[in-house]
C-alpha cells in the first residue's frame, strides 16, 4: 500500500492507494483500491476497481464506489453506494442511495433509494426505480450506528440515575433525538418520491416497499407522469398518480 497527498497519474492494476485527497488525471485500472476523503477522477474507473471517498467526482464510472456524495458524468455499468448521487448520463449500472438525481438514462439501470429518485429523461425500457431503505447498505449502516449509540446512551442514563442526576436531561434529549432520527428513516417511504420527467419509455418498473415488506409496483406506459408517491390512509395504501394495490 502506498500513501499520497495527491496523484496525477493513472492507478495501475492491483494497486492500493490511501490519501487525504486525490486528483487522478488518467484511469483507475482493474483490481485497484483507492481510499481518500476527496476524490476526482478525470478518466475512467475500470470494472473490478473500488473507490472509497467521502466526496467523489468521476468522469466515467465502471467500478464500485462507496462514498457520502457522488458526482458522476457517465455511469457506464458501475455500482454506487452513497447518501447523495448526481449523474449526468447513465449507460447502465446500479445505484443504492438515499437521494438520486440523473439527467438522462440511455441504458437500463437499477436504482434503489430510501428517500427520492429524480430523472430528467428515460428513453429506454427495463430500468428499476425502487424505494426501499432495507436494500440501501449505507442507510442500514446508519441504523446500526444509531442503535449502538442508543445502547451506550441507555447505559449512561442508568449510571446517571445513580451517580449524576444533573446529566439526566442531557442524556434523555440525546436519546429522544436519535430515536426520532431512527424512526424517520423507517418511515421515509411514506414521503418518498420517484420523479420521471418528460415522456417515459414503456416498460420501466416503479416499486415502493412498505414497512410490512409488501410491495406496490407499477410498470410505465409511454407517457408523462406526475411524481410517484404513496397515499396512505387507515384502510388503504395506494400508489399515485397510478392507483395500485
C-alpha atoms as a PDB file:
ATOM      1  CA  UNK A   1       0.000   0.000   0.000  1.00  0.00           C
ATOM      2  CA  UNK A   2       1.241   3.490  -0.921  1.00  0.00           C
ATOM      3  CA  UNK A   3       0.197   6.783   0.675  1.00  0.00           C
ATOM      4  CA  UNK A   4      -0.052  10.049  -1.291  1.00  0.00           C
ATOM      5  CA  UNK A   5      -1.279  13.577  -0.637  1.00  0.00           C
ATOM      6  CA  UNK A   6      -2.096  13.966  -4.352  1.00  0.00           C
ATOM      7  CA  UNK A   7      -1.554  11.965  -7.518  1.00  0.00           C
ATOM      8  CA  UNK A   8      -1.773  12.935 -11.180  1.00  0.00           C
ATOM      9  CA  UNK A   9      -1.315   9.611 -12.894  1.00  0.00           C
ATOM     10  CA  UNK A  10      -3.395   6.518 -13.567  1.00  0.00           C
ATOM     11  CA  UNK A  11      -3.810   3.902 -10.863  1.00  0.00           C
ATOM     12  CA  UNK A  12      -2.424   0.616 -12.120  1.00  0.00           C
ATOM     13  CA  UNK A  13      -3.826  -2.894 -11.713  1.00  0.00           C
ATOM     14  CA  UNK A  14      -3.681  -4.390  -8.201  1.00  0.00           C
ATOM     15  CA  UNK A  15      -2.689  -1.065  -6.604  1.00  0.00           C
ATOM     16  CA  UNK A  16      -3.939   0.112  -3.205  1.00  0.00           C
ATOM     17  CA  UNK A  17      -3.637   3.831  -2.509  1.00  0.00           C
ATOM     18  CA  UNK A  18      -4.643   5.822   0.569  1.00  0.00           C
ATOM     19  CA  UNK A  19      -4.630   9.610   0.601  1.00  0.00           C
ATOM     20  CA  UNK A  20      -6.296  12.602   2.209  1.00  0.00           C
ATOM     21  CA  UNK A  21      -7.152  13.931  -1.252  1.00  0.00           C
ATOM     22  CA  UNK A  22      -6.622  12.575  -4.760  1.00  0.00           C
ATOM     23  CA  UNK A  23      -6.897  14.030  -8.260  1.00  0.00           C
ATOM     24  CA  UNK A  24      -6.333  11.330 -10.872  1.00  0.00           C
ATOM     25  CA  UNK A  25      -5.901  12.548 -14.424  1.00  0.00           C
ATOM     26  CA  UNK A  26      -5.998   9.093 -16.004  1.00  0.00           C
ATOM     27  CA  UNK A  27      -7.812   5.822 -15.327  1.00  0.00           C
ATOM     28  CA  UNK A  28      -8.239   3.669 -12.255  1.00  0.00           C
ATOM     29  CA  UNK A  29      -7.494   0.183 -13.519  1.00  0.00           C
ATOM     30  CA  UNK A  30      -8.967  -3.194 -12.540  1.00  0.00           C
ATOM     31  CA  UNK A  31      -8.439  -4.773  -9.109  1.00  0.00           C
ATOM     32  CA  UNK A  32      -7.208  -1.491  -7.612  1.00  0.00           C
ATOM     33  CA  UNK A  33      -8.401   0.179  -4.421  1.00  0.00           C
ATOM     34  CA  UNK A  34      -8.435   3.924  -3.767  1.00  0.00           C
ATOM     35  CA  UNK A  35      -9.298   5.353  -0.349  1.00  0.00           C
ATOM     36  CA  UNK A  36      -9.499   9.102   0.268  1.00  0.00           C
ATOM     37  CA  UNK A  37     -11.703  11.839   1.698  1.00  0.00           C
ATOM     38  CA  UNK A  38     -11.977  13.788  -1.590  1.00  0.00           C
ATOM     39  CA  UNK A  39     -11.577  12.143  -4.975  1.00  0.00           C
ATOM     40  CA  UNK A  40     -11.541  13.464  -8.513  1.00  0.00           C
ATOM     41  CA  UNK A  41     -11.015  11.142 -11.474  1.00  0.00           C
ATOM     42  CA  UNK A  42     -10.762  12.681 -14.938  1.00  0.00           C
ATOM     43  CA  UNK A  43     -10.569   9.293 -16.659  1.00  0.00           C
ATOM     44  CA  UNK A  44     -12.403   6.007 -16.095  1.00  0.00           C
ATOM     45  CA  UNK A  45     -12.779   3.716 -13.103  1.00  0.00           C
ATOM     46  CA  UNK A  46     -12.475   0.279 -14.677  1.00  0.00           C
ATOM     47  CA  UNK A  47     -14.564  -2.758 -13.775  1.00  0.00           C
ATOM     48  CA  UNK A  48     -13.447  -4.552 -10.576  1.00  0.00           C
ATOM     49  CA  UNK A  49     -11.850  -1.381  -9.210  1.00  0.00           C
ATOM     50  CA  UNK A  50     -13.059   0.024  -5.872  1.00  0.00           C
ATOM     51  CA  UNK A  51     -13.119   3.586  -4.579  1.00  0.00           C
ATOM     52  CA  UNK A  52     -13.841   4.772  -1.031  1.00  0.00           C
ATOM     53  CA  UNK A  53     -14.286   8.503  -0.528  1.00  0.00           C
ATOM     54  CA  UNK A  54     -16.444  10.994   1.326  1.00  0.00           C
ATOM     55  CA  UNK A  55     -16.821  13.146  -1.783  1.00  0.00           C
ATOM     56  CA  UNK A  56     -16.201  11.775  -5.286  1.00  0.00           C
ATOM     57  CA  UNK A  57     -16.244  13.418  -8.712  1.00  0.00           C
ATOM     58  CA  UNK A  58     -15.749  10.893 -11.530  1.00  0.00           C
ATOM     59  CA  UNK A  59     -15.818  11.251 -15.306  1.00  0.00           C
ATOM     60  CA  UNK A  60     -16.679   7.656 -16.359  1.00  0.00           C
ATOM     61  CA  UNK A  61     -17.559   5.086 -13.697  1.00  0.00           C
ATOM     62  CA  UNK A  62     -17.416   1.329 -14.320  1.00  0.00           C
ATOM     63  CA  UNK A  63     -16.117   0.226 -10.925  1.00  0.00           C
ATOM     64  CA  UNK A  64     -17.600   0.194  -7.410  1.00  0.00           C
ATOM     65  CA  UNK A  65     -17.817   3.443  -5.457  1.00  0.00           C
ATOM     66  CA  UNK A  66     -18.694   3.857  -1.783  1.00  0.00           C
ATOM     67  CA  UNK A  67     -18.983   7.440  -0.593  1.00  0.00           C
ATOM     68  CA  UNK A  68     -21.124  10.125   1.006  1.00  0.00           C
ATOM     69  CA  UNK A  69     -21.724  12.294  -2.077  1.00  0.00           C
ATOM     70  CA  UNK A  70     -21.049  11.194  -5.663  1.00  0.00           C
ATOM     71  CA  UNK A  71     -20.993  13.298  -8.812  1.00  0.00           C
ATOM     72  CA  UNK A  72     -20.672  11.159 -11.952  1.00  0.00           C
ATOM     73  CA  UNK A  73     -20.560  12.412 -15.526  1.00  0.00           C
ATOM     74  CA  UNK A  74     -21.165   8.991 -17.122  1.00  0.00           C
ATOM     75  CA  UNK A  75     -22.279   5.939 -15.162  1.00  0.00           C
ATOM     76  CA  UNK A  76     -21.286   3.122 -17.511  1.00  0.00           C
ATOM     77  CA  UNK A  77     -22.266  -0.109 -15.787  1.00  0.00           C
ATOM     78  CA  UNK A  78     -20.649   0.783 -12.471  1.00  0.00           C
ATOM     79  CA  UNK A  79     -22.036   0.485  -8.944  1.00  0.00           C
ATOM     80  CA  UNK A  80     -22.545   3.346  -6.484  1.00  0.00           C
ATOM     81  CA  UNK A  81     -23.305   3.227  -2.758  1.00  0.00           C
ATOM     82  CA  UNK A  82     -23.816   6.713  -1.330  1.00  0.00           C
ATOM     83  CA  UNK A  83     -26.041   9.127   0.536  1.00  0.00           C
ATOM     84  CA  UNK A  84     -26.473  11.512  -2.385  1.00  0.00           C
ATOM     85  CA  UNK A  85     -25.813  10.692  -6.065  1.00  0.00           C
ATOM     86  CA  UNK A  86     -25.822  13.006  -9.087  1.00  0.00           C
ATOM     87  CA  UNK A  87     -25.322  11.510 -12.564  1.00  0.00           C
ATOM     88  CA  UNK A  88     -25.349  13.333 -15.900  1.00  0.00           C
ATOM     89  CA  UNK A  89     -25.663  10.369 -18.278  1.00  0.00           C
ATOM     90  CA  UNK A  90     -26.485   6.803 -17.294  1.00  0.00           C
ATOM     91  CA  UNK A  91     -25.468   3.925 -19.565  1.00  0.00           C
ATOM     92  CA  UNK A  92     -26.449   1.155 -17.184  1.00  0.00           C
ATOM     93  CA  UNK A  93     -25.350   0.327 -13.668  1.00  0.00           C
ATOM     94  CA  UNK A  94     -26.547   0.099 -10.077  1.00  0.00           C
ATOM     95  CA  UNK A  95     -27.196   2.869  -7.552  1.00  0.00           C
ATOM     96  CA  UNK A  96     -28.042   2.422  -3.869  1.00  0.00           C
ATOM     97  CA  UNK A  97     -28.536   5.714  -2.057  1.00  0.00           C
ATOM     98  CA  UNK A  98     -30.754   7.989  -0.020  1.00  0.00           C
ATOM     99  CA  UNK A  99     -31.318  10.521  -2.809  1.00  0.00           C
ATOM    100  CA  UNK A 100     -30.560  10.061  -6.523  1.00  0.00           C
ATOM    101  CA  UNK A 101     -30.644  12.572  -9.370  1.00  0.00           C
ATOM    102  CA  UNK A 102     -29.948  11.592 -13.009  1.00  0.00           C
ATOM    103  CA  UNK A 103     -30.239  13.848 -16.029  1.00  0.00           C
ATOM    104  CA  UNK A 104     -30.578  11.165 -18.722  1.00  0.00           C
ATOM    105  CA  UNK A 105     -30.921   7.357 -18.795  1.00  0.00           C
ATOM    106  CA  UNK A 106     -29.773   5.795 -22.074  1.00  0.00           C
ATOM    107  CA  UNK A 107     -29.454   2.147 -20.953  1.00  0.00           C
ATOM    108  CA  UNK A 108     -31.352   0.217 -18.258  1.00  0.00           C
ATOM    109  CA  UNK A 109     -30.269   0.933 -14.681  1.00  0.00           C
ATOM    110  CA  UNK A 110     -31.219  -0.318 -11.227  1.00  0.00           C
ATOM    111  CA  UNK A 111     -31.810   2.455  -8.698  1.00  0.00           C
ATOM    112  CA  UNK A 112     -32.802   1.704  -5.108  1.00  0.00           C
ATOM    113  CA  UNK A 113     -33.238   4.678  -2.792  1.00  0.00           C
ATOM    114  CA  UNK A 114     -34.654   5.377   0.644  1.00  0.00           C
ATOM    115  CA  UNK A 115     -35.989   8.894   0.028  1.00  0.00           C
ATOM    116  CA  UNK A 116     -36.045  10.174  -3.569  1.00  0.00           C
ATOM    117  CA  UNK A 117     -35.261   9.363  -7.198  1.00  0.00           C
ATOM    118  CA  UNK A 118     -35.383  12.131  -9.807  1.00  0.00           C
ATOM    119  CA  UNK A 119     -34.671  11.585 -13.505  1.00  0.00           C
ATOM    120  CA  UNK A 120     -34.669  14.159 -16.296  1.00  0.00           C
ATOM    121  CA  UNK A 121     -35.401  11.732 -19.136  1.00  0.00           C
ATOM    122  CA  UNK A 122     -35.945   7.973 -19.501  1.00  0.00           C
ATOM    123  CA  UNK A 123     -35.687   6.932 -23.147  1.00  0.00           C
ATOM    124  CA  UNK A 124     -35.297   3.148 -22.680  1.00  0.00           C
ATOM    125  CA  UNK A 125     -37.201   0.311 -21.005  1.00  0.00           C
ATOM    126  CA  UNK A 126     -36.291  -2.196 -18.284  1.00  0.00           C
ATOM    127  CA  UNK A 127     -34.975   0.124 -15.570  1.00  0.00           C
ATOM    128  CA  UNK A 128     -35.949  -0.448 -11.932  1.00  0.00           C
ATOM    129  CA  UNK A 129     -36.780   2.543  -9.740  1.00  0.00           C
ATOM    130  CA  UNK A 130     -37.378   1.371  -6.190  1.00  0.00           C
ATOM    131  CA  UNK A 131     -37.934   2.870  -2.737  1.00  0.00           C
ATOM    132  CA  UNK A 132     -36.707   0.505  -0.009  1.00  0.00           C
ATOM    133  CA  UNK A 133     -34.256   1.569   2.711  1.00  0.00           C
ATOM    134  CA  UNK A 134     -33.555  -2.066   3.599  1.00  0.00           C
ATOM    135  CA  UNK A 135     -31.749  -2.534   0.282  1.00  0.00           C
ATOM    136  CA  UNK A 136     -29.533   0.536   0.739  1.00  0.00           C
ATOM    137  CA  UNK A 137     -26.392  -0.565   2.643  1.00  0.00           C
ATOM    138  CA  UNK A 138     -25.349   2.951   3.685  1.00  0.00           C
ATOM    139  CA  UNK A 139     -28.747   3.515   5.311  1.00  0.00           C
ATOM    140  CA  UNK A 140     -28.642   0.191   7.144  1.00  0.00           C
ATOM    141  CA  UNK A 141     -25.151   1.001   8.405  1.00  0.00           C
ATOM    142  CA  UNK A 142     -26.513   4.299   9.730  1.00  0.00           C
ATOM    143  CA  UNK A 143     -29.331   2.465  11.520  1.00  0.00           C
ATOM    144  CA  UNK A 144     -26.802   0.113  13.113  1.00  0.00           C
ATOM    145  CA  UNK A 145     -24.715   3.065  14.330  1.00  0.00           C
ATOM    146  CA  UNK A 146     -27.796   4.729  15.807  1.00  0.00           C
ATOM    147  CA  UNK A 147     -28.699   1.519  17.624  1.00  0.00           C
ATOM    148  CA  UNK A 148     -25.175   1.238  19.026  1.00  0.00           C
ATOM    149  CA  UNK A 149     -25.284   4.871  20.187  1.00  0.00           C
ATOM    150  CA  UNK A 150     -28.682   4.310  21.802  1.00  0.00           C
ATOM    151  CA  UNK A 151     -27.433   1.288  23.723  1.00  0.00           C
ATOM    152  CA  UNK A 152     -24.479   3.290  25.011  1.00  0.00           C
ATOM    153  CA  UNK A 153     -26.684   6.228  25.999  1.00  0.00           C
ATOM    154  CA  UNK A 154     -29.112   3.946  27.833  1.00  0.00           C
ATOM    155  CA  UNK A 155     -26.206   2.604  29.870  1.00  0.00           C
ATOM    156  CA  UNK A 156     -25.095   6.176  30.597  1.00  0.00           C
ATOM    157  CA  UNK A 157     -28.662   7.024  31.601  1.00  0.00           C
ATOM    158  CA  UNK A 158     -28.799   4.233  34.161  1.00  0.00           C
ATOM    159  CA  UNK A 159     -25.424   5.291  35.523  1.00  0.00           C
ATOM    160  CA  UNK A 160     -26.533   8.939  35.723  1.00  0.00           C
ATOM    161  CA  UNK A 161     -29.633   7.951  37.713  1.00  0.00           C
ATOM    162  CA  UNK A 162     -27.322   6.568  40.382  1.00  0.00           C
ATOM    163  CA  UNK A 163     -24.359   8.927  40.291  1.00  0.00           C
ATOM    164  CA  UNK A 164     -25.036  12.096  38.265  1.00  0.00           C
ATOM    165  CA  UNK A 165     -28.646  13.319  38.269  1.00  0.00           C
ATOM    166  CA  UNK A 166     -27.624  16.594  36.622  1.00  0.00           C
ATOM    167  CA  UNK A 167     -26.835  14.747  33.365  1.00  0.00           C
ATOM    168  CA  UNK A 168     -30.214  13.027  33.070  1.00  0.00           C
ATOM    169  CA  UNK A 169     -31.896  15.721  30.977  1.00  0.00           C
ATOM    170  CA  UNK A 170     -28.999  15.951  28.523  1.00  0.00           C
ATOM    171  CA  UNK A 171     -28.810  12.186  28.033  1.00  0.00           C
ATOM    172  CA  UNK A 172     -32.585  11.867  27.636  1.00  0.00           C
ATOM    173  CA  UNK A 173     -32.529  14.590  24.985  1.00  0.00           C
ATOM    174  CA  UNK A 174     -29.825  12.729  23.045  1.00  0.00           C
ATOM    175  CA  UNK A 175     -31.851   9.516  23.234  1.00  0.00           C
ATOM    176  CA  UNK A 176     -35.005  11.251  22.009  1.00  0.00           C
ATOM    177  CA  UNK A 177     -33.099  12.820  19.098  1.00  0.00           C
ATOM    178  CA  UNK A 178     -31.606   9.506  17.989  1.00  0.00           C
ATOM    179  CA  UNK A 179     -34.915   7.669  18.330  1.00  0.00           C
ATOM    180  CA  UNK A 180     -36.601  10.299  16.165  1.00  0.00           C
ATOM    181  CA  UNK A 181     -33.840  10.032  13.554  1.00  0.00           C
ATOM    182  CA  UNK A 182     -34.161   6.242  13.557  1.00  0.00           C
ATOM    183  CA  UNK A 183     -37.937   6.345  13.100  1.00  0.00           C
ATOM    184  CA  UNK A 184     -37.638   8.964  10.349  1.00  0.00           C
ATOM    185  CA  UNK A 185     -35.524   6.536   8.326  1.00  0.00           C
ATOM    186  CA  UNK A 186     -38.003   3.707   8.865  1.00  0.00           C
ATOM    187  CA  UNK A 187     -40.880   5.948   7.768  1.00  0.00           C
ATOM    188  CA  UNK A 188     -39.105   7.541   4.780  1.00  0.00           C
ATOM    189  CA  UNK A 189     -41.170   5.527   2.291  1.00  0.00           C
ATOM    190  CA  UNK A 190     -44.273   7.426   3.425  1.00  0.00           C
ATOM    191  CA  UNK A 191     -42.967  10.694   1.954  1.00  0.00           C
ATOM    192  CA  UNK A 192     -40.615   9.256  -0.692  1.00  0.00           C
ATOM    193  CA  UNK A 193     -40.976  10.264  -4.343  1.00  0.00           C
ATOM    194  CA  UNK A 194     -39.930   8.898  -7.726  1.00  0.00           C
ATOM    195  CA  UNK A 195     -39.975  11.656 -10.344  1.00  0.00           C
ATOM    196  CA  UNK A 196     -39.525  10.743 -14.016  1.00  0.00           C
ATOM    197  CA  UNK A 197     -39.699  13.891 -16.118  1.00  0.00           C
ATOM    198  CA  UNK A 198     -40.795  14.106 -19.757  1.00  0.00           C
ATOM    199  CA  UNK A 199     -42.300  11.235 -21.697  1.00  0.00           C
ATOM    200  CA  UNK A 200     -41.235   7.991 -20.019  1.00  0.00           C
ATOM    201  CA  UNK A 201     -40.471   4.936 -22.132  1.00  0.00           C
ATOM    202  CA  UNK A 202     -42.739   1.928 -21.773  1.00  0.00           C
ATOM    203  CA  UNK A 203     -41.670  -0.980 -19.567  1.00  0.00           C
ATOM    204  CA  UNK A 204     -39.891   0.618 -16.599  1.00  0.00           C
ATOM    205  CA  UNK A 205     -40.721  -0.621 -13.109  1.00  0.00           C
ATOM    206  CA  UNK A 206     -41.747   1.645 -10.233  1.00  0.00           C
ATOM    207  CA  UNK A 207     -41.743  -0.073  -6.820  1.00  0.00           C
ATOM    208  CA  UNK A 208     -42.399   1.122  -3.263  1.00  0.00           C
ATOM    209  CA  UNK A 209     -41.668  -1.273  -0.397  1.00  0.00           C
ATOM    210  CA  UNK A 210     -43.856  -0.802   2.678  1.00  0.00           C
ATOM    211  CA  UNK A 211     -42.786  -1.335   6.287  1.00  0.00           C
ATOM    212  CA  UNK A 212     -44.539  -4.714   6.134  1.00  0.00           C
ATOM    213  CA  UNK A 213     -42.184  -5.644   3.249  1.00  0.00           C
ATOM    214  CA  UNK A 214     -45.189  -5.764   0.921  1.00  0.00           C
ATOM    215  CA  UNK A 215     -44.541  -4.026  -2.374  1.00  0.00           C
ATOM    216  CA  UNK A 216     -46.618  -1.842  -4.657  1.00  0.00           C
ATOM    217  CA  UNK A 217     -45.422  -1.933  -8.268  1.00  0.00           C
ATOM    218  CA  UNK A 218     -46.353  -0.169 -11.468  1.00  0.00           C
ATOM    219  CA  UNK A 219     -44.878  -0.675 -14.953  1.00  0.00           C
ATOM    220  CA  UNK A 220     -44.752   2.512 -17.021  1.00  0.00           C
ATOM    221  CA  UNK A 221     -46.532   3.162 -20.266  1.00  0.00           C
ATOM    222  CA  UNK A 222     -45.128   5.546 -22.862  1.00  0.00           C
ATOM    223  CA  UNK A 223     -46.455   8.761 -21.381  1.00  0.00           C
ATOM    224  CA  UNK A 224     -45.719  11.557 -18.908  1.00  0.00           C
ATOM    225  CA  UNK A 225     -46.275  11.162 -15.166  1.00  0.00           C
ATOM    226  CA  UNK A 226     -46.587  13.305 -12.098  1.00  0.00           C
ATOM    227  CA  UNK A 227     -44.203  12.265  -9.306  1.00  0.00           C
ATOM    228  CA  UNK A 228     -44.950   8.788  -7.952  1.00  0.00           C
ATOM    229  CA  UNK A 229     -45.680   8.649  -4.227  1.00  0.00           C
ATOM    230  CA  UNK A 230     -47.786   6.733  -1.742  1.00  0.00           C
ATOM    231  CA  UNK A 231     -51.195   7.748  -0.486  1.00  0.00           C
ATOM    232  CA  UNK A 232     -51.614   6.139   2.932  1.00  0.00           C
ATOM    233  CA  UNK A 233     -54.895   6.027   4.827  1.00  0.00           C
ATOM    234  CA  UNK A 234     -56.106   3.942   7.737  1.00  0.00           C
ATOM    235  CA  UNK A 235     -57.672   1.384   5.405  1.00  0.00           C
ATOM    236  CA  UNK A 236     -55.643   1.544   2.210  1.00  0.00           C
ATOM    237  CA  UNK A 237     -52.255   2.303   0.677  1.00  0.00           C
ATOM    238  CA  UNK A 238     -52.139   3.278  -2.987  1.00  0.00           C
ATOM    239  CA  UNK A 239     -49.513   4.426  -5.446  1.00  0.00           C
ATOM    240  CA  UNK A 240     -50.159   7.805  -7.051  1.00  0.00           C
ATOM    241  CA  UNK A 241     -50.593   9.051  -9.685  1.00  0.00           C
ATOM    242  CA  UNK A 242     -51.433   5.437 -10.618  1.00  0.00           C
ATOM    243  CA  UNK A 243     -53.701   3.803  -8.031  1.00  0.00           C
ATOM    244  CA  UNK A 244     -52.378   0.270  -7.468  1.00  0.00           C
ATOM    245  CA  UNK A 245     -52.873  -2.286  -4.699  1.00  0.00           C
END
